Amino acid sequence: MFEPTSSFKENLQSLPSTDDIEKLDLLNAEGDVVASIENQPGKQGSLAVYQHLLATFGQLNAAAATHGMLVFAEHTEDARNRPGAHPNIDRLFDIQEGAEPMEMRLVKQ
């Protein structure tokens, strides 16, 4: 696991490529897909972070959420100040605050 910096752009440079990924699905305890992060402009940074969280933690739990907020760097504070503007960071807040952990599944292209 790498040590995140205070710059999201720098952190992204430390994460593996998402070129071969179509999307990442998030699943609830019943195994239902409740959200997806598509590999498309505007979401590729989130996809890279969540792929890293899956590889590092195996699921989206409180420890993964805390690390993810560090990786999102300056965007985390923006998400705190503007709820709803960054739904993939809002999800990390929810998990850190006690929401049930989620499984994650990569869908390759």
PDB file of N, CA and C in Angstrom:
ATOM      1  N   MET A   1       0.854  -1.173   0.000  1.00  0.00           N
ATOM      2  CA  MET A   1       0.000   0.000   0.000  1.00  0.00           C
ATOM      3  C   MET A   1       0.901   1.237   0.000  1.00  0.00           C
ATOM      4  N   PHE A   2       0.572   2.189  -0.847  1.00  0.00           N
ATOM      5  CA  PHE A   2       1.366   3.409  -0.892  1.00  0.00           C
ATOM      6  C   PHE A   2       0.847   4.421   0.116  1.00  0.00           C
ATOM      7  N   GLU A   3       1.681   5.378   0.438  1.00  0.00           N
ATOM      8  CA  GLU A   3       1.307   6.457   1.361  1.00  0.00           C
ATOM      9  C   GLU A   3       0.772   7.631   0.542  1.00  0.00           C
ATOM     10  N   PRO A   4      -0.524   7.933   0.645  1.00  0.00           N
ATOM     11  CA  PRO A   4      -1.100   9.015  -0.157  1.00  0.00           C
ATOM     12  C   PRO A   4      -0.479  10.371   0.194  1.00  0.00           C
ATOM     13  N   THR A   5      -0.405  11.225  -0.812  1.00  0.00           N
ATOM     14  CA  THR A   5       0.036  12.601  -0.622  1.00  0.00           C
ATOM     15  C   THR A   5      -1.199  13.473  -0.469  1.00  0.00           C
ATOM     16  N   SER A   6      -1.005  14.774  -0.377  1.00  0.00           N
ATOM     17  CA  SER A   6      -2.136  15.696  -0.262  1.00  0.00           C
ATOM     18  C   SER A   6      -2.653  16.124  -1.635  1.00  0.00           C
ATOM     19  N   SER A   7      -2.155  15.478  -2.713  1.00  0.00           N
ATOM     20  CA  SER A   7      -2.564  15.812  -4.076  1.00  0.00           C
ATOM     21  C   SER A   7      -3.198  14.604  -4.756  1.00  0.00           C
ATOM     22  N   PHE A   8      -4.465  14.745  -5.130  1.00  0.00           N
ATOM     23  CA  PHE A   8      -5.152  13.651  -5.819  1.00  0.00           C
ATOM     24  C   PHE A   8      -4.437  13.299  -7.117  1.00  0.00           C
ATOM     25  N   LYS A   9      -4.007  14.302  -7.855  1.00  0.00           N
ATOM     26  CA  LYS A   9      -3.311  14.064  -9.123  1.00  0.00           C
ATOM     27  C   LYS A   9      -2.050  13.226  -8.904  1.00  0.00           C
ATOM     28  N   GLU A  10      -1.272  13.541  -7.886  1.00  0.00           N
ATOM     29  CA  GLU A  10      -0.078  12.751  -7.578  1.00  0.00           C
ATOM     30  C   GLU A  10      -0.448  11.335  -7.150  1.00  0.00           C
ATOM     31  N   ASN A  11      -1.483  11.207  -6.351  1.00  0.00           N
ATOM     32  CA  ASN A  11      -1.907   9.882  -5.895  1.00  0.00           C
ATOM     33  C   ASN A  11      -2.326   9.008  -7.071  1.00  0.00           C
ATOM     34  N   LEU A  12      -3.045   9.585  -8.026  1.00  0.00           N
ATOM     35  CA  LEU A  12      -3.470   8.817  -9.199  1.00  0.00           C
ATOM     36  C   LEU A  12      -2.282   8.247  -9.962  1.00  0.00           C
ATOM     37  N   GLN A  13      -1.186   8.976  -9.989  1.00  0.00           N
ATOM     38  CA  GLN A  13       0.006   8.503 -10.704  1.00  0.00           C
ATOM     39  C   GLN A  13       0.611   7.269 -10.046  1.00  0.00           C
ATOM     40  N   SER A  14       0.289   7.020  -8.778  1.00  0.00           N
ATOM     41  CA  SER A  14       0.802   5.859  -8.059  1.00  0.00           C
ATOM     42  C   SER A  14      -0.104   4.635  -8.186  1.00  0.00           C
ATOM     43  N   LEU A  15      -1.280   4.809  -8.774  1.00  0.00           N
ATOM     44  CA  LEU A  15      -2.253   3.719  -8.863  1.00  0.00           C
ATOM     45  C   LEU A  15      -2.149   3.008 -10.206  1.00  0.00           C
ATOM     46  N   PRO A  16      -2.499   1.713 -10.236  1.00  0.00           N
ATOM     47  CA  PRO A  16      -2.471   0.969 -11.494  1.00  0.00           C
ATOM     48  C   PRO A  16      -3.461   1.521 -12.521  1.00  0.00           C
ATOM     49  N   SER A  17      -3.184   1.243 -13.760  1.00  0.00           N
ATOM     50  CA  SER A  17      -4.035   1.657 -14.874  1.00  0.00           C
ATOM     51  C   SER A  17      -5.410   0.979 -14.784  1.00  0.00           C
ATOM     52  N   THR A  18      -6.400   1.664 -15.306  1.00  0.00           N
ATOM     53  CA  THR A  18      -7.754   1.095 -15.387  1.00  0.00           C
ATOM     54  C   THR A  18      -8.152   0.833 -16.840  1.00  0.00           C
ATOM     55  N   ASP A  19      -7.186   0.858 -17.751  1.00  0.00           N
ATOM     56  CA  ASP A  19      -7.476   0.739 -19.180  1.00  0.00           C
ATOM     57  C   ASP A  19      -8.254  -0.519 -19.545  1.00  0.00           C
ATOM     58  N   ASP A  20      -8.016  -1.625 -18.824  1.00  0.00           N
ATOM     59  CA  ASP A  20      -8.663  -2.890 -19.171  1.00  0.00           C
ATOM     60  C   ASP A  20      -9.935  -3.157 -18.372  1.00  0.00           C
ATOM     61  N   ILE A  21     -10.414  -2.148 -17.650  1.00  0.00           N
ATOM     62  CA  ILE A  21     -11.594  -2.319 -16.803  1.00  0.00           C
ATOM     63  C   ILE A  21     -12.789  -1.600 -17.430  1.00  0.00           C
ATOM     64  N   GLU A  22     -13.916  -2.310 -17.502  1.00  0.00           N
ATOM     65  CA  GLU A  22     -15.154  -1.708 -17.990  1.00  0.00           C
ATOM     66  C   GLU A  22     -15.843  -0.923 -16.878  1.00  0.00           C
ATOM     67  N   LYS A  23     -15.895  -1.555 -15.669  1.00  0.00           N
ATOM     68  CA  LYS A  23     -16.537  -0.919 -14.525  1.00  0.00           C
ATOM     69  C   LYS A  23     -16.189  -1.679 -13.254  1.00  0.00           C
ATOM     70  N   LEU A  24     -16.519  -1.070 -12.138  1.00  0.00           N
ATOM     71  CA  LEU A  24     -16.404  -1.721 -10.836  1.00  0.00           C
ATOM     72  C   LEU A  24     -17.788  -1.683 -10.216  1.00  0.00           C
ATOM     73  N   ASP A  25     -18.303  -2.858  -9.850  1.00  0.00           N
ATOM     74  CA  ASP A  25     -19.612  -2.946  -9.211  1.00  0.00           C
ATOM     75  C   ASP A  25     -19.442  -3.000  -7.700  1.00  0.00           C
ATOM     76  N   LEU A  26     -20.360  -2.363  -6.993  1.00  0.00           N
ATOM     77  CA  LEU A  26     -20.418  -2.418  -5.533  1.00  0.00           C
ATOM     78  C   LEU A  26     -21.644  -3.217  -5.152  1.00  0.00           C
ATOM     79  N   LEU A  27     -21.449  -4.182  -4.254  1.00  0.00           N
ATOM     80  CA  LEU A  27     -22.513  -5.107  -3.893  1.00  0.00           C
ATOM     81  C   LEU A  27     -22.839  -5.027  -2.409  1.00  0.00           C
ATOM     82  N   ASN A  28     -24.124  -5.145  -2.083  1.00  0.00           N
ATOM     83  CA  ASN A  28     -24.541  -5.155  -0.685  1.00  0.00           C
ATOM     84  C   ASN A  28     -24.353  -6.554  -0.097  1.00  0.00           C
ATOM     85  N   ALA A  29     -24.744  -6.726   1.154  1.00  0.00           N
ATOM     86  CA  ALA A  29     -24.545  -7.996   1.853  1.00  0.00           C
ATOM     87  C   ALA A  29     -25.279  -9.154   1.177  1.00  0.00           C
ATOM     88  N   GLU A  30     -26.349  -8.858   0.451  1.00  0.00           N
ATOM     89  CA  GLU A  30     -27.109  -9.901  -0.242  1.00  0.00           C
ATOM     90  C   GLU A  30     -26.508 -10.244  -1.601  1.00  0.00           C
ATOM     91  N   GLY A  31     -25.479  -9.515  -2.012  1.00  0.00           N
ATOM     92  CA  GLY A  31     -24.845  -9.769  -3.298  1.00  0.00           C
ATOM     93  C   GLY A  31     -25.464  -9.019  -4.462  1.00  0.00           C
ATOM     94  N   ASP A  32     -26.352  -8.077  -4.160  1.00  0.00           N
ATOM     95  CA  ASP A  32     -26.986  -7.270  -5.207  1.00  0.00           C
ATOM     96  C   ASP A  32     -26.091  -6.087  -5.564  1.00  0.00           C
ATOM     97  N   VAL A  33     -25.988  -5.783  -6.852  1.00  0.00           N
ATOM     98  CA  VAL A  33     -25.242  -4.609  -7.293  1.00  0.00           C
ATOM     99  C   VAL A  33     -26.071  -3.371  -6.929  1.00  0.00           C
ATOM    100  N   VAL A  34     -25.482  -2.506  -6.104  1.00  0.00           N
ATOM    101  CA  VAL A  34     -26.189  -1.312  -5.664  1.00  0.00           C
ATOM    102  C   VAL A  34     -25.607  -0.038  -6.290  1.00  0.00           C
ATOM    103  N   ALA A  35     -24.434  -0.156  -6.892  1.00  0.00           N
ATOM    104  CA  ALA A  35     -23.814   0.980  -7.571  1.00  0.00           C
ATOM    105  C   ALA A  35     -22.704   0.452  -8.473  1.00  0.00           C
ATOM    106  N   SER A  36     -22.356   1.241  -9.480  1.00  0.00           N
ATOM    107  CA  SER A  36     -21.250   0.906 -10.373  1.00  0.00           C
ATOM    108  C   SER A  36     -20.465   2.173 -10.670  1.00  0.00           C
ATOM    109  N   ILE A  37     -19.178   2.000 -10.865  1.00  0.00           N
ATOM    110  CA  ILE A  37     -18.322   3.099 -11.301  1.00  0.00           C
ATOM    111  C   ILE A  37     -17.813   2.707 -12.680  1.00  0.00           C
ATOM    112  N   GLU A  38     -18.295   3.401 -13.687  1.00  0.00           N
ATOM    113  CA  GLU A  38     -17.960   3.100 -15.080  1.00  0.00           C
ATOM    114  C   GLU A  38     -16.601   3.702 -15.451  1.00  0.00           C
ATOM    115  N   ASN A  39     -15.941   3.083 -16.411  1.00  0.00           N
ATOM    116  CA  ASN A  39     -14.683   3.609 -16.937  1.00  0.00           C
ATOM    117  C   ASN A  39     -15.025   4.610 -18.033  1.00  0.00           C
ATOM    118  N   GLN A  40     -15.297   5.832 -17.601  1.00  0.00           N
ATOM    119  CA  GLN A  40     -15.644   6.900 -18.535  1.00  0.00           C
ATOM    120  C   GLN A  40     -15.120   8.219 -17.974  1.00  0.00           C
ATOM    121  N   PRO A  41     -14.934   9.205 -18.831  1.00  0.00           N
ATOM    122  CA  PRO A  41     -14.414  10.492 -18.374  1.00  0.00           C
ATOM    123  C   PRO A  41     -15.221  11.028 -17.185  1.00  0.00           C
ATOM    124  N   GLY A  42     -14.503  11.556 -16.220  1.00  0.00           N
ATOM    125  CA  GLY A  42     -15.136  12.089 -15.025  1.00  0.00           C
ATOM    126  C   GLY A  42     -15.262  11.077 -13.906  1.00  0.00           C
ATOM    127  N   LYS A  43     -15.086   9.801 -14.233  1.00  0.00           N
ATOM    128  CA  LYS A  43     -15.198   8.744 -13.219  1.00  0.00           C
ATOM    129  C   LYS A  43     -13.943   7.884 -13.137  1.00  0.00           C
ATOM    130  N   GLN A  44     -13.003   8.103 -14.041  1.00  0.00           N
ATOM    131  CA  GLN A  44     -11.817   7.248 -14.096  1.00  0.00           C
ATOM    132  C   GLN A  44     -10.947   7.372 -12.851  1.00  0.00           C
ATOM    133  N   GLY A  45     -10.893   8.551 -12.243  1.00  0.00           N
ATOM    134  CA  GLY A  45     -10.140   8.707 -11.000  1.00  0.00           C
ATOM    135  C   GLY A  45     -10.756   7.892  -9.885  1.00  0.00           C
ATOM    136  N   SER A  46     -12.075   7.956  -9.759  1.00  0.00           N
ATOM    137  CA  SER A  46     -12.768   7.158  -8.743  1.00  0.00           C
ATOM    138  C   SER A  46     -12.583   5.673  -9.007  1.00  0.00           C
ATOM    139  N   LEU A  47     -12.649   5.282 -10.273  1.00  0.00           N
ATOM    140  CA  LEU A  47     -12.449   3.875 -10.627  1.00  0.00           C
ATOM    141  C   LEU A  47     -11.060   3.418 -10.190  1.00  0.00           C
ATOM    142  N   ALA A  48     -10.050   4.232 -10.422  1.00  0.00           N
ATOM    143  CA  ALA A  48      -8.682   3.882 -10.032  1.00  0.00           C
ATOM    144  C   ALA A  48      -8.561   3.751  -8.512  1.00  0.00           C
ATOM    145  N   VAL A  49      -9.188   4.662  -7.778  1.00  0.00           N
ATOM    146  CA  VAL A  49      -9.124   4.604  -6.312  1.00  0.00           C
ATOM    147  C   VAL A  49      -9.824   3.346  -5.805  1.00  0.00           C
ATOM    148  N   TYR A  50     -11.019   3.081  -6.290  1.00  0.00           N
ATOM    149  CA  TYR A  50     -11.765   1.915  -5.821  1.00  0.00           C
ATOM    150  C   TYR A  50     -11.073   0.611  -6.228  1.00  0.00           C
ATOM    151  N   GLN A  51     -10.465   0.579  -7.398  1.00  0.00           N
ATOM    152  CA  GLN A  51      -9.692  -0.609  -7.798  1.00  0.00           C
ATOM    153  C   GLN A  51      -8.552  -0.820  -6.802  1.00  0.00           C
ATOM    154  N   HIS A  52      -7.886   0.248  -6.416  1.00  0.00           N
ATOM    155  CA  HIS A  52      -6.812   0.180  -5.420  1.00  0.00           C
ATOM    156  C   HIS A  52      -7.348  -0.324  -4.078  1.00  0.00           C
ATOM    157  N   LEU A  53      -8.503   0.169  -3.664  1.00  0.00           N
ATOM    158  CA  LEU A  53      -9.089  -0.269  -2.393  1.00  0.00           C
ATOM    159  C   LEU A  53      -9.433  -1.755  -2.430  1.00  0.00           C
ATOM    160  N   LEU A  54      -9.952  -2.218  -3.559  1.00  0.00           N
ATOM    161  CA  LEU A  54     -10.258  -3.643  -3.707  1.00  0.00           C
ATOM    162  C   LEU A  54      -8.987  -4.477  -3.601  1.00  0.00           C
ATOM    163  N   ALA A  55      -7.946  -4.075  -4.305  1.00  0.00           N
ATOM    164  CA  ALA A  55      -6.688  -4.829  -4.289  1.00  0.00           C
ATOM    165  C   ALA A  55      -6.027  -4.812  -2.915  1.00  0.00           C
ATOM    166  N   THR A  56      -6.177  -3.715  -2.196  1.00  0.00           N
ATOM    167  CA  THR A  56      -5.497  -3.554  -0.916  1.00  0.00           C
ATOM    168  C   THR A  56      -6.286  -4.125   0.255  1.00  0.00           C
ATOM    169  N   PHE A  57      -7.605  -3.925   0.265  1.00  0.00           N
ATOM    170  CA  PHE A  57      -8.425  -4.301   1.419  1.00  0.00           C
ATOM    171  C   PHE A  57      -9.382  -5.458   1.152  1.00  0.00           C
ATOM    172  N   GLY A  58      -9.659  -5.756  -0.112  1.00  0.00           N
ATOM    173  CA  GLY A  58     -10.536  -6.874  -0.445  1.00  0.00           C
ATOM    174  C   GLY A  58     -12.018  -6.550  -0.389  1.00  0.00           C
ATOM    175  N   GLN A  59     -12.397  -5.500   0.283  1.00  0.00           N
ATOM    176  CA  GLN A  59     -13.786  -5.055   0.351  1.00  0.00           C
ATOM    177  C   GLN A  59     -13.780  -3.592   0.787  1.00  0.00           C
ATOM    178  N   LEU A  60     -14.935  -2.966   0.667  1.00  0.00           N
ATOM    179  CA  LEU A  60     -15.070  -1.576   1.085  1.00  0.00           C
ATOM    180  C   LEU A  60     -15.564  -1.576   2.525  1.00  0.00           C
ATOM    181  N   ASN A  61     -14.618  -1.531   3.457  1.00  0.00           N
ATOM    182  CA  ASN A  61     -14.930  -1.496   4.882  1.00  0.00           C
ATOM    183  C   ASN A  61     -14.418  -0.175   5.458  1.00  0.00           C
ATOM    184  N   ALA A  62     -14.487  -0.013   6.772  1.00  0.00           N
ATOM    185  CA  ALA A  62     -14.093   1.256   7.391  1.00  0.00           C
ATOM    186  C   ALA A  62     -12.628   1.591   7.130  1.00  0.00           C
ATOM    187  N   ALA A  63     -11.747   0.604   7.195  1.00  0.00           N
ATOM    188  CA  ALA A  63     -10.320   0.857   6.953  1.00  0.00           C
ATOM    189  C   ALA A  63     -10.098   1.289   5.507  1.00  0.00           C
ATOM    190  N   ALA A  64     -10.764   0.625   4.569  1.00  0.00           N
ATOM    191  CA  ALA A  64     -10.647   0.991   3.154  1.00  0.00           C
ATOM    192  C   ALA A  64     -11.194   2.395   2.924  1.00  0.00           C
ATOM    193  N   ALA A  65     -12.317   2.719   3.555  1.00  0.00           N
ATOM    194  CA  ALA A  65     -12.916   4.037   3.387  1.00  0.00           C
ATOM    195  C   ALA A  65     -11.984   5.134   3.893  1.00  0.00           C
ATOM    196  N   THR A  66     -11.375   4.910   5.031  1.00  0.00           N
ATOM    197  CA  THR A  66     -10.441   5.894   5.588  1.00  0.00           C
ATOM    198  C   THR A  66      -9.266   6.107   4.652  1.00  0.00           C
ATOM    199  N   HIS A  67      -8.704   5.020   4.142  1.00  0.00           N
ATOM    200  CA  HIS A  67      -7.581   5.135   3.210  1.00  0.00           C
ATOM    201  C   HIS A  67      -8.038   5.819   1.919  1.00  0.00           C
ATOM    202  N   GLY A  68      -9.208   5.463   1.431  1.00  0.00           N
ATOM    203  CA  GLY A  68      -9.728   6.070   0.215  1.00  0.00           C
ATOM    204  C   GLY A  68      -9.879   7.573   0.328  1.00  0.00           C
ATOM    205  N   MET A  69     -10.312   8.029   1.481  1.00  0.00           N
ATOM    206  CA  MET A  69     -10.445   9.481   1.677  1.00  0.00           C
ATOM    207  C   MET A  69      -9.085  10.164   1.611  1.00  0.00           C
ATOM    208  N   LEU A  70      -8.047   9.505   2.091  1.00  0.00           N
ATOM    209  CA  LEU A  70      -6.694  10.060   1.981  1.00  0.00           C
ATOM    210  C   LEU A  70      -6.240  10.095   0.522  1.00  0.00           C
ATOM    211  N   VAL A  71      -6.576   9.062  -0.230  1.00  0.00           N
ATOM    212  CA  VAL A  71      -6.185   9.008  -1.642  1.00  0.00           C
ATOM    213  C   VAL A  71      -6.910  10.102  -2.437  1.00  0.00           C
ATOM    214  N   PHE A  72      -8.181  10.335  -2.136  1.00  0.00           N
ATOM    215  CA  PHE A  72      -8.928  11.387  -2.828  1.00  0.00           C
ATOM    216  C   PHE A  72      -8.414  12.786  -2.460  1.00  0.00           C
ATOM    217  N   ALA A  73      -7.623  12.882  -1.409  1.00  0.00           N
ATOM    218  CA  ALA A  73      -6.908  14.097  -1.012  1.00  0.00           C
ATOM    219  C   ALA A  73      -7.830  15.313  -0.932  1.00  0.00           C
ATOM    220  N   GLU A  74      -7.531  16.354  -1.697  1.00  0.00           N
ATOM    221  CA  GLU A  74      -8.273  17.626  -1.598  1.00  0.00           C
ATOM    222  C   GLU A  74      -9.739  17.474  -1.976  1.00  0.00           C
ATOM    223  N   HIS A  75     -10.078  16.452  -2.729  1.00  0.00           N
ATOM    224  CA  HIS A  75     -11.480  16.238  -3.110  1.00  0.00           C
ATOM    225  C   HIS A  75     -12.328  15.784  -1.917  1.00  0.00           C
ATOM    226  N   THR A  76     -11.683  15.180  -0.921  1.00  0.00           N
ATOM    227  CA  THR A  76     -12.413  14.738   0.267  1.00  0.00           C
ATOM    228  C   THR A  76     -12.989  15.939   1.015  1.00  0.00           C
ATOM    229  N   GLU A  77     -12.203  16.974   1.192  1.00  0.00           N
ATOM    230  CA  GLU A  77     -12.699  18.175   1.879  1.00  0.00           C
ATOM    231  C   GLU A  77     -13.804  18.837   1.070  1.00  0.00           C
ATOM    232  N   ASP A  78     -13.650  18.864  -0.244  1.00  0.00           N
ATOM    233  CA  ASP A  78     -14.697  19.428  -1.095  1.00  0.00           C
ATOM    234  C   ASP A  78     -15.988  18.629  -0.946  1.00  0.00           C
ATOM    235  N   ALA A  79     -15.872  17.318  -0.854  1.00  0.00           N
ATOM    236  CA  ALA A  79     -17.058  16.464  -0.685  1.00  0.00           C
ATOM    237  C   ALA A  79     -17.734  16.725   0.659  1.00  0.00           C
ATOM    238  N   ARG A  80     -16.948  16.968   1.695  1.00  0.00           N
ATOM    239  CA  ARG A  80     -17.529  17.296   3.009  1.00  0.00           C
ATOM    240  C   ARG A  80     -18.333  18.601   2.939  1.00  0.00           C
ATOM    241  N   ASN A  81     -17.803  19.546   2.185  1.00  0.00           N
ATOM    242  CA  ASN A  81     -18.437  20.855   2.088  1.00  0.00           C
ATOM    243  C   ASN A  81     -19.605  20.897   1.117  1.00  0.00           C
ATOM    244  N   ARG A  82     -19.654  19.911   0.198  1.00  0.00           N
ATOM    245  CA  ARG A  82     -20.719  19.896  -0.816  1.00  0.00           C
ATOM    246  C   ARG A  82     -21.300  18.482  -0.947  1.00  0.00           C
ATOM    247  N   PRO A  83     -22.064  18.035   0.044  1.00  0.00           N
ATOM    248  CA  PRO A  83     -22.643  16.691  -0.024  1.00  0.00           C
ATOM    249  C   PRO A  83     -23.396  16.478  -1.339  1.00  0.00           C
ATOM    250  N   GLY A  84     -23.158  15.331  -1.935  1.00  0.00           N
ATOM    251  CA  GLY A  84     -23.807  14.992  -3.197  1.00  0.00           C
ATOM    252  C   GLY A  84     -22.973  15.320  -4.420  1.00  0.00           C
ATOM    253  N   ALA A  85     -21.983  16.189  -4.272  1.00  0.00           N
ATOM    254  CA  ALA A  85     -21.153  16.574  -5.414  1.00  0.00           C
ATOM    255  C   ALA A  85     -20.158  15.479  -5.806  1.00  0.00           C
ATOM    256  N   HIS A  86     -19.803  14.643  -4.848  1.00  0.00           N
ATOM    257  CA  HIS A  86     -18.837  13.567  -5.081  1.00  0.00           C
ATOM    258  C   HIS A  86     -19.407  12.265  -4.499  1.00  0.00           C
ATOM    259  N   PRO A  87     -20.336  11.627  -5.197  1.00  0.00           N
ATOM    260  CA  PRO A  87     -21.012  10.457  -4.614  1.00  0.00           C
ATOM    261  C   PRO A  87     -20.070   9.307  -4.244  1.00  0.00           C
ATOM    262  N   ASN A  88     -18.968   9.148  -4.964  1.00  0.00           N
ATOM    263  CA  ASN A  88     -18.051   8.057  -4.640  1.00  0.00           C
ATOM    264  C   ASN A  88     -17.249   8.338  -3.378  1.00  0.00           C
ATOM    265  N   ILE A  89     -17.103   9.605  -3.022  1.00  0.00           N
ATOM    266  CA  ILE A  89     -16.488   9.951  -1.734  1.00  0.00           C
ATOM    267  C   ILE A  89     -17.556   9.927  -0.645  1.00  0.00           C
ATOM    268  N   ASP A  90     -18.763  10.380  -0.955  1.00  0.00           N
ATOM    269  CA  ASP A  90     -19.863  10.309   0.015  1.00  0.00           C
ATOM    270  C   ASP A  90     -20.049   8.874   0.508  1.00  0.00           C
ATOM    271  N   ARG A  91     -19.910   7.918  -0.394  1.00  0.00           N
ATOM    272  CA  ARG A  91     -20.040   6.509  -0.022  1.00  0.00           C
ATOM    273  C   ARG A  91     -18.979   6.135   1.017  1.00  0.00           C
ATOM    274  N   LEU A  92     -17.778   6.658   0.865  1.00  0.00           N
ATOM    275  CA  LEU A  92     -16.712   6.378   1.838  1.00  0.00           C
ATOM    276  C   LEU A  92     -17.072   6.956   3.205  1.00  0.00           C
ATOM    277  N   PHE A  93     -17.647   8.164   3.225  1.00  0.00           N
ATOM    278  CA  PHE A  93     -18.099   8.743   4.494  1.00  0.00           C
ATOM    279  C   PHE A  93     -19.111   7.820   5.165  1.00  0.00           C
ATOM    280  N   ASP A  94     -20.076   7.336   4.379  1.00  0.00           N
ATOM    281  CA  ASP A  94     -21.117   6.456   4.921  1.00  0.00           C
ATOM    282  C   ASP A  94     -20.518   5.198   5.535  1.00  0.00           C
ATOM    283  N   ILE A  95     -19.595   4.578   4.837  1.00  0.00           N
ATOM    284  CA  ILE A  95     -18.968   3.348   5.335  1.00  0.00           C
ATOM    285  C   ILE A  95     -18.181   3.650   6.609  1.00  0.00           C
ATOM    286  N   GLN A  96     -17.419   4.734   6.600  1.00  0.00           N
ATOM    287  CA  GLN A  96     -16.623   5.091   7.776  1.00  0.00           C
ATOM    288  C   GLN A  96     -17.523   5.397   8.975  1.00  0.00           C
ATOM    289  N   GLU A  97     -18.710   5.909   8.715  1.00  0.00           N
ATOM    290  CA  GLU A  97     -19.633   6.271   9.795  1.00  0.00           C
ATOM    291  C   GLU A  97     -20.525   5.114  10.234  1.00  0.00           C
ATOM    292  N   GLY A  98     -20.256   3.891   9.727  1.00  0.00           N
ATOM    293  CA  GLY A  98     -20.972   2.729  10.232  1.00  0.00           C
ATOM    294  C   GLY A  98     -21.867   1.993   9.267  1.00  0.00           C
ATOM    295  N   ALA A  99     -21.998   2.463   8.032  1.00  0.00           N
ATOM    296  CA  ALA A  99     -22.789   1.704   7.049  1.00  0.00           C
ATOM    297  C   ALA A  99     -22.119   0.347   6.816  1.00  0.00           C
ATOM    298  N   GLU A 100     -22.917  -0.610   6.398  1.00  0.00           N
ATOM    299  CA  GLU A 100     -22.386  -1.958   6.173  1.00  0.00           C
ATOM    300  C   GLU A 100     -21.303  -1.958   5.105  1.00  0.00           C
ATOM    301  N   PRO A 101     -20.248  -2.754   5.314  1.00  0.00           N
ATOM    302  CA  PRO A 101     -19.220  -2.897   4.276  1.00  0.00           C
ATOM    303  C   PRO A 101     -19.842  -3.408   2.987  1.00  0.00           C
ATOM    304  N   MET A 102     -19.159  -3.134   1.888  1.00  0.00           N
ATOM    305  CA  MET A 102     -19.642  -3.566   0.575  1.00  0.00           C
ATOM    306  C   MET A 102     -18.559  -4.394  -0.101  1.00  0.00           C
ATOM    307  N   GLU A 103     -19.006  -5.366  -0.863  1.00  0.00           N
ATOM    308  CA  GLU A 103     -18.087  -6.111  -1.713  1.00  0.00           C
ATOM    309  C   GLU A 103     -17.905  -5.325  -2.996  1.00  0.00           C
ATOM    310  N   MET A 104     -16.788  -5.560  -3.659  1.00  0.00           N
ATOM    311  CA  MET A 104     -16.515  -4.887  -4.921  1.00  0.00           C
ATOM    312  C   MET A 104     -16.126  -5.949  -5.947  1.00  0.00           C
ATOM    313  N   ARG A 105     -16.513  -5.710  -7.200  1.00  0.00           N
ATOM    314  CA  ARG A 105     -16.218  -6.665  -8.274  1.00  0.00           C
ATOM    315  C   ARG A 105     -15.818  -5.876  -9.513  1.00  0.00           C
ATOM    316  N   LEU A 106     -14.641  -6.209 -10.056  1.00  0.00           N
ATOM    317  CA  LEU A 106     -14.188  -5.605 -11.292  1.00  0.00           C
ATOM    318  C   LEU A 106     -14.797  -6.328 -12.476  1.00  0.00           C
ATOM    319  N   VAL A 107     -15.216  -5.590 -13.473  1.00  0.00           N
ATOM    320  CA  VAL A 107     -15.692  -6.149 -14.727  1.00  0.00           C
ATOM    321  C   VAL A 107     -14.700  -5.703 -15.783  1.00  0.00           C
ATOM    322  N   LYS A 108     -13.971  -6.666 -16.337  1.00  0.00           N
ATOM    323  CA  LYS A 108     -12.940  -6.355 -17.335  1.00  0.00           C
ATOM    324  C   LYS A 108     -13.585  -6.144 -18.694  1.00  0.00           C
ATOM    325  N   GLN A 109     -12.888  -5.404 -19.562  1.00  0.00           N
ATOM    326  CA  GLN A 109     -13.385  -5.160 -20.917  1.00  0.00           C
ATOM    327  C   GLN A 109     -13.203  -6.394 -21.772  1.00  0.00           C
TER     328      GLN A 109
END
